[in-house]
Amino acid sequence: MTSGYRAGTTVQALDYPPAEFGRSATDVLDVTSTTYVDGSPQVSTTFTAPTSGRVLVTVGAGFRGAGTRRLHLAPVVKVGDDAGAAVLGPNVVSRGVGVQEEATSYVYYSRSTLLEGLEPGQTYFAKTMHKVNGASGAPDFHVRDIYITPVP
């Protein structure tokens, strides 16, 4: 899909609203939930969908594995606020990042994916959620980030 912009096209404010981000450098230690949960503090932001209805969603974190457990971080996007309808659910395979259990020191990863089909001008809420996978251990986060960048 192309944006349709050509040389000389007038760009409106809604065509390219500002990028938004949320970040926490608060350690989240001994993660044990095997289903997706918010961290404490929650890492989130709100953004306005551009005219194109497309944004680049980037999540990143400092991870440390433990035992046989891997730590996963994934983005979630909802209409309006955290109580709104989900337009993107957490899924480490399609949009998230994770760390292998052998990572006993912090390692830092990020991943960017394109989210399409948003309603232009609509306010959306984006946050990170996390879980563990594996039999035993309690891995940790050092930092968590989410960035939303409008795409023409």
Protein backbone atom coordinates (compact mmCIF):
# COMPACT_ATOMS: atom_id res chain seq x y z
CA MET A 1 0.00 0.00 0.00
CA THR A 2 1.40 3.40 -0.91
CA SER A 3 0.55 6.66 0.76
CA GLY A 4 -0.44 8.53 -2.40
CA TYR A 5 1.77 11.50 -1.51
CA ARG A 6 3.48 13.15 -4.48
CA ALA A 7 5.82 16.11 -4.81
CA GLY A 8 3.87 19.26 -4.03
CA THR A 9 1.17 17.50 -1.97
CA THR A 10 -0.01 19.61 0.97
CA VAL A 11 0.52 17.72 4.22
CA GLN A 12 -2.10 18.23 6.93
CA ALA A 13 -1.48 17.89 10.68
CA LEU A 14 -3.48 14.64 10.87
CA ASP A 15 -1.37 13.17 8.06
CA TYR A 16 1.58 12.96 10.42
CA PRO A 17 0.77 13.43 14.13
CA PRO A 18 3.68 13.28 16.59
CA ALA A 19 5.29 9.99 17.58
CA GLU A 20 4.52 8.91 21.15
CA PHE A 21 6.30 6.65 23.62
CA GLY A 22 6.16 5.14 27.09
CA ARG A 23 9.10 3.89 29.12
CA SER A 24 9.95 2.55 32.54
CA ALA A 25 13.40 1.86 33.95
CA THR A 26 11.88 0.35 37.09
CA ASP A 27 13.10 -3.21 37.54
CA VAL A 28 10.40 -5.88 37.35
CA LEU A 29 11.90 -8.85 39.20
CA ASP A 30 10.92 -12.49 39.53
CA VAL A 31 8.29 -12.58 36.78
CA THR A 32 6.23 -15.78 37.07
CA SER A 33 2.93 -15.17 35.24
CA THR A 34 2.40 -17.56 32.33
CA THR A 35 -0.36 -15.32 30.94
CA TYR A 36 0.11 -11.75 29.73
CA VAL A 37 0.00 -9.12 32.49
CA ASP A 38 0.84 -5.43 32.84
CA GLY A 39 4.08 -4.53 34.55
CA SER A 40 4.27 -2.24 37.54
CA PRO A 41 4.46 0.53 36.64
CA GLN A 42 2.49 0.07 33.45
CA VAL A 43 4.33 1.15 30.28
CA SER A 44 1.82 2.91 28.04
CA THR A 45 1.03 5.88 25.84
CA THR A 46 -1.84 7.31 23.82
CA PHE A 47 -1.64 8.36 20.19
CA THR A 48 -3.77 9.69 17.36
CA ALA A 49 -3.99 7.56 14.23
CA PRO A 50 -2.71 9.38 11.13
CA THR A 51 -4.68 9.81 7.91
CA SER A 52 -3.05 6.65 6.53
CA GLY A 53 -4.37 4.53 9.42
CA ARG A 54 -0.87 3.05 9.79
CA VAL A 55 1.68 3.22 12.63
CA LEU A 56 4.96 1.54 13.40
CA VAL A 57 4.76 -0.17 16.81
CA THR A 58 8.12 -0.74 18.51
CA VAL A 59 8.60 -2.58 21.81
CA GLY A 60 11.89 -3.11 23.58
CA ALA A 61 13.27 -4.23 26.89
CA GLY A 62 16.27 -5.22 28.95
CA PHE A 63 15.70 -8.90 29.80
CA ARG A 64 17.37 -11.52 31.95
CA GLY A 65 16.34 -15.19 31.78
CA ALA A 66 16.23 -17.64 34.68
CA GLY A 67 16.09 -21.40 35.09
CA THR A 68 14.21 -22.81 32.11
CA ARG A 69 11.95 -19.77 31.70
CA ARG A 70 12.00 -17.30 28.83
CA LEU A 71 10.59 -13.79 29.27
CA HIS A 72 8.27 -12.33 26.60
CA LEU A 73 7.14 -8.72 25.99
CA ALA A 74 4.41 -7.78 23.51
CA PRO A 75 2.42 -4.66 22.55
CA VAL A 76 -1.33 -4.18 23.02
CA VAL A 77 -3.36 -1.45 21.27
CA LYS A 78 -6.91 -0.46 22.29
CA VAL A 79 -9.42 2.14 21.15
CA GLY A 80 -9.46 5.24 23.38
CA ASP A 81 -8.04 4.00 26.67
CA ASP A 82 -7.11 0.83 28.55
CA ALA A 83 -10.80 -0.10 28.90
CA GLY A 84 -11.40 0.19 25.13
CA ALA A 85 -11.82 -2.54 22.55
CA ALA A 86 -8.56 -4.27 21.62
CA VAL A 87 -7.35 -3.80 18.05
CA LEU A 88 -4.08 -5.61 18.76
CA GLY A 89 -3.69 -8.31 21.41
CA PRO A 90 -0.38 -9.42 22.95
CA ASN A 91 1.54 -11.96 20.87
CA VAL A 92 5.30 -12.41 21.20
CA VAL A 93 5.48 -14.45 17.99
CA SER A 94 3.97 -11.87 15.64
CA ARG A 95 4.94 -8.57 17.28
CA GLY A 96 6.85 -9.03 20.53
CA VAL A 97 10.35 -9.74 21.79
CA GLY A 98 11.74 -12.28 24.20
CA VAL A 99 14.89 -13.58 25.81
CA GLN A 100 16.24 -17.10 26.09
CA GLU A 101 16.55 -18.66 29.52
CA GLU A 102 20.36 -18.82 29.26
CA ALA A 103 20.66 -15.01 29.36
CA THR A 104 21.86 -14.62 32.95
CA SER A 105 22.99 -11.01 32.36
CA TYR A 106 20.69 -8.34 30.95
CA VAL A 107 20.36 -8.26 27.17
CA TYR A 108 18.46 -5.59 25.25
CA TYR A 109 16.16 -6.27 22.30
CA SER A 110 13.56 -4.37 20.32
CA ARG A 111 11.18 -5.13 17.47
CA SER A 112 9.15 -2.92 15.14
CA THR A 113 6.06 -4.01 13.21
CA LEU A 114 3.53 -2.17 11.05
CA LEU A 115 -0.03 -1.88 12.36
CA GLU A 116 -2.59 -1.02 9.69
CA GLY A 117 -6.33 -0.41 9.57
CA LEU A 118 -6.59 2.21 12.30
CA GLU A 119 -9.31 4.86 12.04
CA PRO A 120 -7.74 8.22 11.06
CA GLY A 121 -8.06 10.79 13.85
CA GLN A 122 -9.10 8.20 16.45
CA THR A 123 -7.24 8.19 19.77
CA TYR A 124 -5.68 4.85 20.69
CA PHE A 125 -4.01 3.49 23.82
CA ALA A 126 -0.87 1.34 23.54
CA LYS A 127 0.91 -0.59 26.29
CA THR A 128 3.31 -3.45 26.89
CA MET A 129 2.36 -6.73 28.53
CA HIS A 130 4.60 -9.62 29.50
CA LYS A 131 4.66 -13.29 30.49
CA VAL A 132 7.05 -16.17 30.98
CA ASN A 133 7.30 -19.48 29.16
CA GLY A 134 9.01 -22.56 30.58
CA ALA A 135 8.92 -24.83 33.59
CA SER A 136 10.90 -23.08 36.33
CA GLY A 137 12.67 -19.85 37.22
CA ALA A 138 11.70 -16.20 37.63
CA PRO A 139 13.33 -13.92 35.00
CA ASP A 140 13.61 -10.12 35.24
CA PHE A 141 13.14 -6.88 33.26
CA HIS A 142 15.46 -3.91 33.66
CA VAL A 143 13.73 -1.50 31.27
CA ARG A 144 10.59 -1.62 29.06
CA ASP A 145 9.66 0.65 26.15
CA ILE A 146 6.87 1.18 23.63
CA TYR A 147 7.08 3.62 20.71
CA ILE A 148 4.32 4.54 18.26
CA THR A 149 5.46 6.23 15.04
CA PRO A 150 2.90 7.42 12.43
CA VAL A 151 3.52 6.10 8.90
CA PRO A 152 2.29 8.10 5.89
